[in-house]
Protein backbone atom coordinates (compact mmCIF):
# COMPACT_ATOMS: atom_id res chain seq x y z
CA MET A 1 0.98 -54.66 -7.73
CA PRO A 2 1.92 -51.00 -7.40
CA ARG A 3 5.47 -50.18 -8.28
CA GLY A 4 7.86 -48.15 -6.14
CA GLY A 5 7.35 -49.96 -2.85
CA LYS A 6 5.15 -47.22 -1.36
CA LYS A 7 2.42 -48.46 0.91
CA GLY A 8 -0.83 -46.73 1.65
CA HIS A 9 -1.71 -45.18 4.98
CA LYS A 10 -4.69 -47.43 5.65
CA GLY A 11 -2.77 -50.20 7.33
CA ARG A 12 -1.03 -48.04 9.90
CA GLY A 13 -1.82 -48.16 13.57
CA LYS A 14 -3.86 -45.37 15.10
CA GLN A 15 -2.36 -43.00 17.65
CA PHE A 16 -4.48 -42.04 20.61
CA SER A 17 -3.77 -39.16 22.97
CA ASN A 18 -2.90 -39.98 26.53
CA PRO A 19 -5.73 -38.87 28.92
CA GLU A 20 -3.15 -37.28 31.22
CA GLU A 21 -1.78 -35.25 28.29
CA ILE A 22 -5.29 -34.05 27.43
CA ASP A 23 -5.91 -33.00 31.05
CA ARG A 24 -2.59 -31.10 31.12
CA GLN A 25 -3.42 -29.26 27.88
CA MET A 26 -6.88 -28.29 29.13
CA ARG A 27 -5.38 -27.03 32.41
CA LEU A 28 -2.86 -24.89 30.47
CA GLU A 29 -5.65 -23.41 28.34
CA ARG A 30 -7.72 -22.54 31.43
CA GLU A 31 -4.69 -20.87 33.04
CA LYS A 32 -4.05 -18.94 29.86
CA GLU A 33 -7.65 -17.66 29.80
CA GLU A 34 -7.49 -16.70 33.48
CA ASN A 35 -4.24 -14.79 33.00
CA GLY A 36 -5.79 -12.73 30.21
CA GLY A 37 -4.04 -14.35 27.29
CA ALA A 38 -0.56 -14.34 28.82
CA ALA A 39 1.39 -17.56 28.57
CA PRO A 40 1.32 -19.51 31.85
CA GLU A 41 4.49 -19.76 33.86
CA SER A 42 5.43 -23.42 34.04
CA PRO A 43 7.31 -24.51 37.16
CA SER A 44 9.90 -26.39 35.12
CA GLY A 45 11.50 -25.10 31.94
CA SER A 46 11.80 -28.66 30.58
CA GLU A 47 9.09 -28.07 27.95
CA GLU A 48 11.02 -25.22 26.34
CA GLU A 49 14.21 -27.25 26.35
CA SER A 50 12.51 -30.24 24.79
CA SER A 51 11.07 -28.09 21.98
CA ASP A 52 14.58 -26.76 21.25
CA GLU A 53 15.92 -30.29 21.19
CA ASP A 54 13.10 -31.37 18.88
CA TYR A 55 13.98 -28.55 16.51
CA ASP A 56 17.64 -29.64 16.44
CA GLN A 57 16.63 -33.26 15.85
CA LYS A 58 14.27 -32.34 13.00
CA LYS A 59 17.06 -30.83 10.90
CA LYS A 60 17.85 -33.11 8.01
CA GLY A 61 20.99 -33.71 6.02
CA VAL A 62 23.71 -31.11 6.26
CA GLU A 63 21.49 -28.55 8.03
CA GLY A 64 22.45 -29.86 11.45
CA LEU A 65 26.16 -29.69 10.69
CA ILE A 66 26.47 -26.28 9.04
CA GLU A 67 24.94 -23.05 10.28
CA ILE A 68 23.82 -21.14 7.19
CA GLU A 69 22.68 -17.56 7.37
CA ASN A 70 21.54 -15.45 4.45
CA PRO A 71 23.85 -12.41 4.30
CA ASN A 72 21.26 -10.46 2.31
CA ARG A 73 18.54 -10.87 4.91
CA VAL A 74 18.16 -7.86 7.16
CA THR A 75 16.62 -8.64 10.50
CA GLN A 76 14.31 -6.01 11.91
CA LYS A 77 15.60 -4.70 15.19
CA SER A 78 12.96 -3.33 17.51
CA LYS A 79 13.82 0.03 19.01
CA LYS A 80 12.75 1.25 22.38
CA VAL A 81 10.81 4.48 22.61
CA ALA A 82 13.63 6.09 24.57
CA GLU A 83 16.15 5.30 21.80
CA ILE A 84 14.14 6.92 19.00
CA ASP A 85 15.33 10.45 18.25
CA VAL A 86 12.41 12.52 16.97
CA SER A 87 14.44 15.68 16.35
CA VAL A 88 16.45 14.11 13.50
CA PRO A 89 14.62 14.61 10.16
CA LYS A 90 13.66 11.40 8.38
CA GLU A 91 15.58 10.60 5.21
CA LEU A 92 13.22 10.43 2.25
CA SER A 93 13.44 7.61 -0.24
CA ARG A 94 14.20 8.31 -3.89
CA ARG A 95 10.58 7.76 -4.90
CA GLU A 96 9.28 10.11 -2.21
CA ARG A 97 11.83 12.79 -3.17
CA GLU A 98 10.91 12.49 -6.86
CA GLU A 99 7.20 12.67 -6.05
CA ILE A 100 7.67 15.84 -4.00
CA GLU A 101 9.78 17.43 -6.76
CA LYS A 102 7.14 16.49 -9.32
CA GLN A 103 4.38 18.13 -7.24
CA LYS A 104 6.44 21.31 -6.79
CA ALA A 105 7.17 21.48 -10.52
CA LYS A 106 3.48 21.06 -11.30
CA GLU A 107 2.56 23.85 -8.85
CA ARG A 108 5.21 26.15 -10.40
CA TYR A 109 3.87 25.42 -13.89
CA MET A 110 0.26 26.08 -12.83
CA LYS A 111 1.29 29.40 -11.24
CA LEU A 112 3.06 30.50 -14.44
CA HIS A 113 0.14 29.21 -16.51
CA LEU A 114 -2.33 31.32 -14.54
CA GLU A 115 -0.09 34.37 -15.00
CA GLY A 116 -0.03 33.67 -18.74
CA LYS A 117 3.71 33.18 -18.99
CA THR A 118 3.80 29.67 -20.45
CA GLU A 119 3.56 28.77 -24.14
CA GLN A 120 0.36 26.85 -23.57
CA ALA A 121 -1.21 29.77 -21.71
CA ARG A 122 -0.26 32.18 -24.53
CA ALA A 123 -1.77 29.83 -27.09
CA ASP A 124 -4.95 29.51 -25.01
CA LEU A 125 -5.25 33.28 -24.62
CA ALA A 126 -4.72 33.82 -28.37
CA ARG A 127 -7.38 31.22 -29.17
CA LEU A 128 -9.77 32.83 -26.69
CA ALA A 129 -9.15 36.26 -28.25
CA ILE A 130 -9.96 34.89 -31.73
CA ILE A 131 -13.16 33.23 -30.47
CA LYS A 132 -14.18 36.45 -28.66
CA LYS A 133 -13.67 38.45 -31.87
CA GLN A 134 -15.72 35.95 -33.87
CA ARG A 135 -18.55 36.10 -31.36
CA GLU A 136 -18.52 39.92 -31.36
CA GLU A 137 -18.69 39.95 -35.18
CA ALA A 138 -21.52 37.39 -35.14
CA ALA A 139 -23.41 39.49 -32.56
CA ARG A 140 -22.88 42.64 -34.66
CA LYS A 141 -24.19 40.86 -37.79
CA ARG A 142 -27.25 39.59 -35.90
CA GLU A 143 -27.92 43.10 -34.65
CA GLU A 144 -27.62 44.52 -38.20
CA LEU A 145 -29.94 41.83 -39.56
CA ARG A 146 -32.46 42.57 -36.83
CA LYS A 147 -32.34 46.30 -37.63
CA VAL A 148 -32.74 45.61 -41.35
CA LYS A 149 -35.68 43.33 -40.61
CA GLU A 150 -37.30 45.97 -38.38
CA GLU A 151 -36.84 48.63 -41.09
CA ALA A 152 -38.34 46.27 -43.68
CA GLU A 153 -41.34 45.64 -41.45
CA ALA A 154 -41.71 49.35 -40.78
CA LYS A 155 -41.71 50.09 -44.55
CA SER A 156 -44.21 47.35 -45.26
CA LYS A 157 -46.64 48.77 -42.68
CA ARG A 158 -46.62 52.23 -44.36
């Protein structure tokens, strides 16, 4: 015997939908399709009231007695187009402000770098000058070796 007194679902009775309820639901769906997706206007508002009553009845325990609202929850209020003031500049968040400042600082640095006013730019220019000198010296030596070789060939032909 299973412990805990819980019974399985297999012995329960089956619930069948009422044919009148099925017809009513199908009629509502057809009306909804005909109206272009808009909810059909029911002649009596009893359905809405019953759903509210069902919601109140479904509350369990202390929920039905005490109305609890989260003070930290901010509900989104929809604004009408007429209420929105476009002329007022939008306040930027801290992250957006920092990102814009970071981009401006980077642009300033790149401008100074291209002008050669930053430490890194000076170091790069000095390194380039050294490399240029080395290449000039290497080219000069190659030219001298080529001349010496030509002179040696010219002497050997005589």
